[in-house]
N, C-alpha and C. Protein backbone atom coordinates (compact mmCIF):
# COMPACT_ATOMS: atom_id res chain seq x y z
N UNK A 1 -45.67 36.21 -9.62
CA UNK A 1 -44.95 35.93 -8.31
C UNK A 1 -46.02 36.02 -7.42
N UNK A 2 -45.72 35.08 -6.56
CA UNK A 2 -46.69 34.98 -5.28
C UNK A 2 -45.48 34.58 -3.86
N UNK A 3 -45.95 35.24 -2.93
CA UNK A 3 -45.51 35.37 -2.01
C UNK A 3 -46.36 35.04 -0.75
N UNK A 4 -46.03 33.38 -0.23
CA UNK A 4 -46.76 33.11 1.00
C UNK A 4 -46.34 32.99 2.58
N UNK A 5 -46.80 33.71 3.33
CA UNK A 5 -45.90 33.49 4.47
C UNK A 5 -46.84 32.92 5.39
N UNK A 6 -46.31 31.90 6.10
CA UNK A 6 -46.73 30.83 6.97
C UNK A 6 -45.87 30.37 8.55
N UNK A 7 -46.58 30.41 8.99
CA UNK A 7 -45.79 29.79 10.74
C UNK A 7 -45.78 28.24 10.68
N UNK A 8 -44.62 28.04 10.52
CA UNK A 8 -44.35 26.55 10.39
C UNK A 8 -44.06 25.74 11.81
N UNK A 9 -44.54 26.37 12.89
CA UNK A 9 -44.53 25.49 14.21
C UNK A 9 -43.58 26.03 15.37
N UNK A 10 -42.62 27.08 14.32
CA UNK A 10 -41.20 27.30 15.33
C UNK A 10 -41.10 29.09 14.65
N UNK A 11 -41.16 29.13 13.42
CA UNK A 11 -40.67 30.09 12.71
C UNK A 11 -41.95 30.57 11.63
N UNK A 12 -41.63 31.86 11.48
CA UNK A 12 -42.47 32.49 10.28
C UNK A 12 -41.78 32.21 8.71
N UNK A 13 -42.36 31.44 7.87
CA UNK A 13 -42.09 31.25 6.67
C UNK A 13 -42.53 31.85 5.64
N UNK A 14 -41.40 32.43 4.69
CA UNK A 14 -41.78 33.06 3.35
C UNK A 14 -41.62 32.14 2.26
N UNK A 15 -42.74 31.91 1.43
CA UNK A 15 -42.83 30.81 0.66
C UNK A 15 -42.46 31.38 -0.66
N UNK A 16 -41.62 31.64 -1.92
CA UNK A 16 -41.82 32.24 -3.04
C UNK A 16 -42.18 31.66 -4.37
N UNK A 17 -42.81 31.81 -5.10
CA UNK A 17 -43.13 31.16 -6.38
C UNK A 17 -42.97 31.95 -7.11
N UNK A 18 -42.42 31.68 -8.06
CA UNK A 18 -41.86 32.54 -9.31
C UNK A 18 -42.19 32.06 -10.99
N UNK A 19 -43.16 32.50 -11.39
CA UNK A 19 -43.37 31.40 -12.77
C UNK A 19 -42.92 32.20 -14.02
N UNK A 20 -42.30 31.55 -14.89
CA UNK A 20 -41.73 32.35 -16.06
C UNK A 20 -42.04 31.26 -17.47
N UNK A 21 -43.13 31.64 -17.96
CA UNK A 21 -43.87 30.99 -18.94
C UNK A 21 -44.21 29.78 -18.48
N UNK A 22 -43.52 28.38 -18.63
CA UNK A 22 -44.23 27.03 -18.42
C UNK A 22 -43.24 26.50 -17.35
N UNK A 23 -42.28 27.41 -16.61
CA UNK A 23 -41.65 27.06 -15.65
C UNK A 23 -41.63 27.67 -14.55
N UNK A 24 -41.61 27.33 -13.65
CA UNK A 24 -41.75 27.78 -12.17
C UNK A 24 -40.67 27.30 -11.01
N UNK A 25 -40.14 28.36 -10.33
CA UNK A 25 -38.90 28.84 -9.46
C UNK A 25 -39.59 28.70 -8.16
N UNK A 26 -39.35 27.86 -6.90
CA UNK A 26 -39.52 28.10 -5.54
C UNK A 26 -38.82 28.37 -5.07
N UNK A 27 -38.48 29.34 -3.50
CA UNK A 27 -37.71 29.80 -2.77
C UNK A 27 -38.18 29.78 -1.60
N UNK A 28 -37.74 29.23 -0.27
CA UNK A 28 -37.82 30.03 0.88
C UNK A 28 -37.13 30.74 1.61
N UNK A 29 -37.94 31.59 2.61
CA UNK A 29 -36.82 32.51 3.36
C UNK A 29 -37.68 32.70 4.88
N UNK A 30 -37.01 32.17 5.56
CA UNK A 30 -37.09 32.09 7.40
C UNK A 30 -37.12 33.58 7.53
N UNK A 31 -38.18 34.11 8.16
CA UNK A 31 -38.35 35.14 8.75
C UNK A 31 -37.95 35.26 10.43
N UNK A 32 -38.17 34.26 10.94
CA UNK A 32 -38.11 34.24 12.65
C UNK A 32 -39.20 34.61 13.05
N UNK A 33 -39.01 35.43 13.86
CA UNK A 33 -40.65 36.10 14.55
C UNK A 33 -41.54 36.54 13.66
N UNK A 34 -43.00 37.08 14.29
CA UNK A 34 -43.58 37.38 13.07
C UNK A 34 -43.27 38.96 12.48
N UNK A 35 -43.39 38.63 10.91
CA UNK A 35 -42.66 39.83 10.35
C UNK A 35 -43.82 40.83 10.45
N UNK A 36 -43.42 42.14 10.24
CA UNK A 36 -44.36 43.28 10.04
C UNK A 36 -44.59 43.89 8.92
N UNK A 37 -45.40 44.62 8.45
CA UNK A 37 -45.60 45.21 6.93
C UNK A 37 -44.36 45.29 6.43
N UNK A 38 -43.30 46.09 7.23
CA UNK A 38 -42.36 47.06 7.18
C UNK A 38 -40.96 45.80 6.73
N UNK A 39 -41.21 44.92 7.30
CA UNK A 39 -40.07 43.83 7.54
C UNK A 39 -40.38 43.39 6.16
N UNK A 40 -41.63 43.01 5.89
CA UNK A 40 -42.05 42.08 4.43
C UNK A 40 -41.43 43.03 3.50
N UNK A 41 -41.92 44.31 3.28
CA UNK A 41 -41.74 45.33 2.19
C UNK A 41 -40.11 45.35 1.92
N UNK A 42 -39.36 45.50 3.02
CA UNK A 42 -37.95 45.79 3.12
C UNK A 42 -37.11 44.35 2.54
N UNK A 43 -38.01 43.26 2.78
CA UNK A 43 -37.50 41.73 2.09
C UNK A 43 -37.93 41.84 0.67
N UNK A 44 -39.09 42.53 0.41
CA UNK A 44 -39.39 42.41 -1.31
C UNK A 44 -38.58 43.13 -2.09
N UNK A 45 -38.08 44.22 -1.04
CA UNK A 45 -37.31 45.21 -2.33
C UNK A 45 -35.89 44.85 -2.10
N UNK A 46 -35.30 44.33 -1.32
CA UNK A 46 -33.77 43.74 -1.32
C UNK A 46 -33.34 42.53 -1.47
N UNK A 47 -34.20 41.84 -1.26
CA UNK A 47 -33.60 40.22 -1.30
C UNK A 47 -34.42 39.03 -1.95
N UNK A 48 -35.47 39.46 -2.54
CA UNK A 48 -36.32 38.66 -3.19
C UNK A 48 -35.90 38.58 -4.40
N UNK A 49 -35.37 39.49 -5.24
CA UNK A 49 -34.90 39.04 -6.63
C UNK A 49 -33.66 38.26 -6.78
N UNK A 50 -32.53 38.77 -5.33
CA UNK A 50 -31.53 37.95 -5.33
C UNK A 50 -32.19 36.44 -5.00
N UNK A 51 -32.68 36.30 -3.97
CA UNK A 51 -33.05 34.92 -3.83
C UNK A 51 -33.90 33.81 -5.08
N UNK A 52 -34.44 34.59 -5.98
CA UNK A 52 -34.85 34.05 -7.13
C UNK A 52 -33.93 33.87 -8.13
N UNK A 53 -32.76 34.55 -8.38
CA UNK A 53 -32.00 34.45 -9.49
C UNK A 53 -30.90 33.19 -8.60
N UNK A 54 -30.76 33.11 -7.38
CA UNK A 54 -29.92 32.23 -6.98
C UNK A 54 -30.86 30.74 -7.01
N UNK A 55 -31.71 30.81 -7.20
CA UNK A 55 -32.42 29.30 -7.37
C UNK A 55 -31.91 28.53 -8.55
N UNK A 56 -31.59 27.40 -8.66
CA UNK A 56 -31.11 27.12 -9.78
C UNK A 56 -32.25 25.86 -10.35
N UNK A 57 -32.94 25.43 -9.45
CA UNK A 57 -34.18 24.35 -9.96
C UNK A 57 -35.06 25.33 -10.58
N UNK A 58 -35.95 24.71 -11.48
CA UNK A 58 -37.03 25.06 -11.95
C UNK A 58 -38.04 23.88 -12.19
N UNK A 59 -39.37 23.87 -12.08
CA UNK A 59 -40.33 22.98 -12.64
C UNK A 59 -41.18 23.37 -13.42
N UNK A 60 -41.53 22.36 -14.57
CA UNK A 60 -42.49 22.52 -15.26
C UNK A 60 -43.76 22.78 -14.86
N UNK A 61 -44.31 23.54 -15.48
CA UNK A 61 -45.73 23.69 -15.23
C UNK A 61 -46.79 23.93 -16.26
N UNK A 62 -48.06 23.74 -16.11
CA UNK A 62 -48.58 24.04 -17.37
C UNK A 62 -49.50 25.45 -17.30
N UNK A 63 -49.38 25.93 -18.70
CA UNK A 63 -49.67 27.40 -18.46
C UNK A 63 -51.19 27.57 -18.52
N UNK A 64 -51.76 28.56 -17.72
CA UNK A 64 -53.16 28.44 -17.76
C UNK A 64 -53.65 29.90 -18.97
N UNK A 65 -55.14 29.54 -18.72
CA UNK A 65 -55.54 30.62 -19.60
C UNK A 65 -55.35 31.80 -19.31
N UNK A 66 -54.79 32.51 -20.52
CA UNK A 66 -54.48 34.10 -20.23
C UNK A 66 -55.64 35.17 -19.72
N UNK A 67 -56.66 35.18 -20.22
CA UNK A 67 -57.48 35.86 -19.92
C UNK A 67 -58.72 35.32 -19.01
N UNK A 68 -59.00 35.94 -17.76
CA UNK A 68 -59.82 35.70 -16.79
C UNK A 68 -60.30 36.46 -16.66
N UNK A 69 -61.70 36.35 -16.64
CA UNK A 69 -62.93 37.70 -16.28
C UNK A 69 -62.45 38.37 -15.06
N UNK A 70 -62.36 39.80 -14.83
CA UNK A 70 -61.86 40.39 -13.49
C UNK A 70 -62.80 40.11 -12.32
N UNK A 71 -64.04 39.62 -12.70
CA UNK A 71 -65.27 39.51 -10.99
C UNK A 71 -64.24 38.04 -10.60
N UNK A 72 -64.45 37.33 -11.89
CA UNK A 72 -63.92 36.16 -11.33
C UNK A 72 -62.49 36.16 -10.50
N UNK A 73 -61.89 36.50 -11.14
CA UNK A 73 -60.29 36.74 -10.70
C UNK A 73 -60.46 37.47 -8.84
N UNK A 74 -61.07 38.39 -9.31
CA UNK A 74 -61.62 39.24 -7.45
C UNK A 74 -61.82 38.01 -6.91
N UNK A 75 -62.59 37.46 -7.08
CA UNK A 75 -63.70 36.04 -6.18
C UNK A 75 -62.23 35.20 -5.83
N UNK A 76 -61.65 34.66 -6.81
CA UNK A 76 -60.60 33.81 -6.54
C UNK A 76 -59.37 34.34 -5.51
N UNK A 77 -59.22 35.93 -5.62
CA UNK A 77 -58.44 36.52 -4.74
C UNK A 77 -58.71 36.35 -3.25
N UNK A 78 -60.09 36.63 -3.14
CA UNK A 78 -60.63 36.56 -1.92
C UNK A 78 -60.76 35.37 -1.41
N UNK A 79 -60.98 34.31 -2.02
CA UNK A 79 -61.30 32.92 -1.70
C UNK A 79 -59.70 32.58 -0.96
N UNK A 80 -58.89 32.64 -1.70
CA UNK A 80 -57.57 32.52 -1.60
C UNK A 80 -57.17 33.03 -0.04
N UNK A 81 -57.14 34.25 -0.11
CA UNK A 81 -56.78 35.21 0.99
C UNK A 81 -57.61 34.48 2.23
N UNK A 82 -58.47 33.83 1.98
CA UNK A 82 -59.37 33.56 3.03
C UNK A 82 -59.02 31.98 3.73
N UNK A 83 -58.41 31.25 2.69
CA UNK A 83 -57.97 30.09 2.85
C UNK A 83 -56.58 30.08 3.93
N UNK A 84 -56.47 28.67 4.84
CA UNK A 84 -55.39 28.93 5.42
C UNK A 84 -54.32 28.35 4.36
N UNK A 85 -53.05 28.32 4.53
CA UNK A 85 -52.02 28.03 3.53
C UNK A 85 -51.07 27.00 4.56
N UNK A 86 -50.77 25.70 3.87
CA UNK A 86 -49.93 25.14 4.09
C UNK A 86 -49.51 24.75 5.93
N UNK A 87 -50.91 24.33 6.66
CA UNK A 87 -50.91 24.38 7.65
C UNK A 87 -49.78 22.94 8.39
N UNK A 88 -49.04 23.25 9.27
CA UNK A 88 -48.43 22.08 9.96
C UNK A 88 -49.19 20.94 10.60
N UNK A 89 -48.90 19.76 10.58
CA UNK A 89 -49.61 19.01 11.68
C UNK A 89 -49.89 19.47 13.03
N UNK A 90 -48.72 20.17 13.31
CA UNK A 90 -49.20 20.51 14.86
C UNK A 90 -49.99 21.63 14.64
N UNK A 91 -50.35 22.50 14.00
CA UNK A 91 -51.36 23.50 13.46
C UNK A 91 -52.90 22.33 13.50
N UNK A 92 -52.85 21.35 12.56
CA UNK A 92 -54.11 20.85 12.60
C UNK A 92 -54.40 20.17 13.39
N UNK A 93 -53.47 19.70 14.53
CA UNK A 93 -53.80 18.98 15.98
C UNK A 93 -54.23 19.98 16.62
N UNK A 94 -53.98 21.04 16.69
CA UNK A 94 -54.40 22.18 17.71
C UNK A 94 -55.74 22.75 17.20
N UNK A 95 -55.75 23.17 15.77
CA UNK A 95 -57.19 23.02 15.03
C UNK A 95 -58.16 22.30 15.44
N UNK A 96 -58.04 20.85 15.91
CA UNK A 96 -58.76 19.99 15.96
C UNK A 96 -59.18 19.64 17.06
N UNK A 97 -58.34 20.21 17.88
CA UNK A 97 -58.38 20.17 19.48
C UNK A 97 -59.41 21.15 19.71
N UNK A 98 -58.96 22.46 19.24
CA UNK A 98 -60.31 23.67 19.36
C UNK A 98 -61.68 23.02 18.89
N UNK A 99 -61.59 22.42 18.03
CA UNK A 99 -63.06 22.38 17.40
C UNK A 99 -63.80 21.55 18.21
N UNK A 100 -62.99 20.23 18.75
CA UNK A 100 -63.32 19.60 20.01
C UNK A 100 -63.86 20.19 21.51
N UNK A 101 -62.95 21.02 21.85
CA UNK A 101 -63.17 21.80 22.96
C UNK A 101 -64.99 22.48 22.45
N UNK A 102 -65.02 23.11 21.27
CA UNK A 102 -65.95 23.84 21.24
C UNK A 102 -67.19 23.16 21.21
N UNK A 103 -66.85 21.84 20.43
CA UNK A 103 -68.21 20.95 20.88
C UNK A 103 -68.61 20.80 21.97
N UNK A 104 -67.73 20.13 22.81
CA UNK A 104 -68.06 19.86 23.81
C UNK A 104 -68.35 20.84 25.03
N UNK A 105 -68.25 22.34 24.55
CA UNK A 105 -68.75 23.46 25.41
C UNK A 105 -70.38 23.58 25.02
N UNK A 106 -70.33 23.20 23.61
CA UNK A 106 -71.94 23.42 22.80
C UNK A 106 -72.66 22.64 24.07
N UNK A 107 -72.27 21.52 23.84
CA UNK A 107 -73.04 20.10 24.76
C UNK A 107 -73.66 20.57 26.24
N UNK A 108 -72.31 21.29 26.70
CA UNK A 108 -72.23 21.42 28.40
C UNK A 108 -73.29 22.81 28.46
N UNK A 109 -73.22 23.53 27.69
CA UNK A 109 -74.05 24.60 27.86
C UNK A 109 -75.40 24.84 27.38
N UNK A 110 -75.71 23.62 26.46
CA UNK A 110 -77.25 23.41 26.54
C UNK A 110 -77.86 22.30 27.51
N UNK A 111 -77.02 21.57 28.00
CA UNK A 111 -77.62 20.85 29.36
C UNK A 111 -77.70 21.81 30.39
N UNK A 112 -77.05 22.71 30.35
CA UNK A 112 -76.87 23.66 31.33
C UNK A 112 -78.67 24.41 31.51
N UNK A 113 -78.64 24.87 30.24
CA UNK A 113 -79.82 25.37 29.67
C UNK A 113 -81.33 25.02 29.94
N UNK A 114 -81.07 23.29 29.27
CA UNK A 114 -82.38 22.79 29.60
C UNK A 114 -82.61 22.53 30.81
N UNK A 115 -81.62 22.09 31.64
CA UNK A 115 -81.64 22.07 33.13
C UNK A 115 -82.44 23.16 34.15
N UNK A 116 -81.73 24.38 33.55
CA UNK A 116 -82.67 25.47 34.16
C UNK A 116 -84.01 25.83 33.28
N UNK A 117 -84.37 25.44 32.49
CA UNK A 117 -85.54 25.58 31.96
C UNK A 117 -86.45 24.60 32.64
N UNK A 118 -86.07 23.48 32.68
CA UNK A 118 -86.82 22.46 33.37
C UNK A 118 -86.96 23.03 35.20
N UNK A 119 -86.05 23.20 35.50
CA UNK A 119 -86.37 23.84 37.10
C UNK A 119 -87.08 25.15 37.03
N UNK A 120 -87.14 25.78 36.19
CA UNK A 120 -88.09 26.67 36.14
C UNK A 120 -89.58 26.32 35.77
N UNK A 121 -89.75 25.51 34.94
CA UNK A 121 -91.20 24.87 34.75
C UNK A 121 -91.61 23.99 36.25
N UNK A 122 -90.57 23.64 36.73
CA UNK A 122 -90.88 22.86 37.98
C UNK A 122 -91.72 23.78 39.03
N UNK A 123 -90.85 24.58 39.06
CA UNK A 123 -91.67 25.87 39.94
C UNK A 123 -92.64 26.30 39.42
N UNK A 124 -92.68 26.77 38.29
CA UNK A 124 -94.14 27.52 37.72
C UNK A 124 -95.00 26.32 38.18
N UNK A 125 -94.86 25.10 37.85
CA UNK A 125 -96.19 23.93 38.11
C UNK A 125 -96.35 24.08 39.52
N UNK A 126 -95.60 24.24 40.53
CA UNK A 126 -95.35 23.80 41.64
C UNK A 126 -96.23 25.20 42.20
N UNK A 127 -96.05 26.23 41.67
CA UNK A 127 -97.07 27.34 42.08
C UNK A 127 -98.64 27.37 42.03
N UNK A 128 -98.53 26.92 40.35
CA UNK A 128 -99.68 26.63 40.13
C UNK A 128 -100.54 25.70 40.91
N UNK A 129 -99.90 24.62 41.55
CA UNK A 129 -100.16 23.25 42.53
C UNK A 129 -100.79 24.55 43.38
N UNK A 130 -100.12 24.92 43.98
CA UNK A 130 -100.11 25.66 45.43
C UNK A 130 -101.27 27.05 45.49
N UNK A 131 -101.61 27.26 44.28
CA UNK A 131 -102.66 28.38 44.00
C UNK A 131 -104.01 27.71 44.09
N UNK A 132 -103.91 26.70 43.47
CA UNK A 132 -105.19 25.60 43.01
C UNK A 132 -106.06 25.14 44.73
N UNK A 133 -104.95 24.80 45.23
CA UNK A 133 -105.02 24.31 46.87
C UNK A 133 -105.84 25.34 47.67
N UNK A 134 -105.79 26.91 47.44
CA UNK A 134 -106.40 28.06 48.11
C UNK A 134 -105.54 28.63 49.05
N UNK A 135 -104.27 28.35 49.19
CA UNK A 135 -103.66 28.68 50.15
C UNK A 135 -103.12 30.11 50.31
């Protein structure tokens, strides 16, 4: 059984996947505002099993290998937790916008830094020239 919680742009949604043999059942629960740990645990204890039992449709899935190396499993779990799940189009657009702004900011900061270095170099050159004139 796997519970994934994500934001669909307006509400937080819990997506439940229940595997029984070579069949999988899927259910969806809307939390509303961002759920805290306590609210999630209450949902798991009281509503999760009823929601899965009420689901009539099931999908055939292929069976995975039974035995998985524990270290590999640990790495896979860590990788899944890092990965973002089910991003909406709005979330993707916001992410792209953020990346674009980040690139623009980097360019702007680099140009500022280069201009500052150039200015310092010119001042240093000017001082060296003045020194050689003997003033």
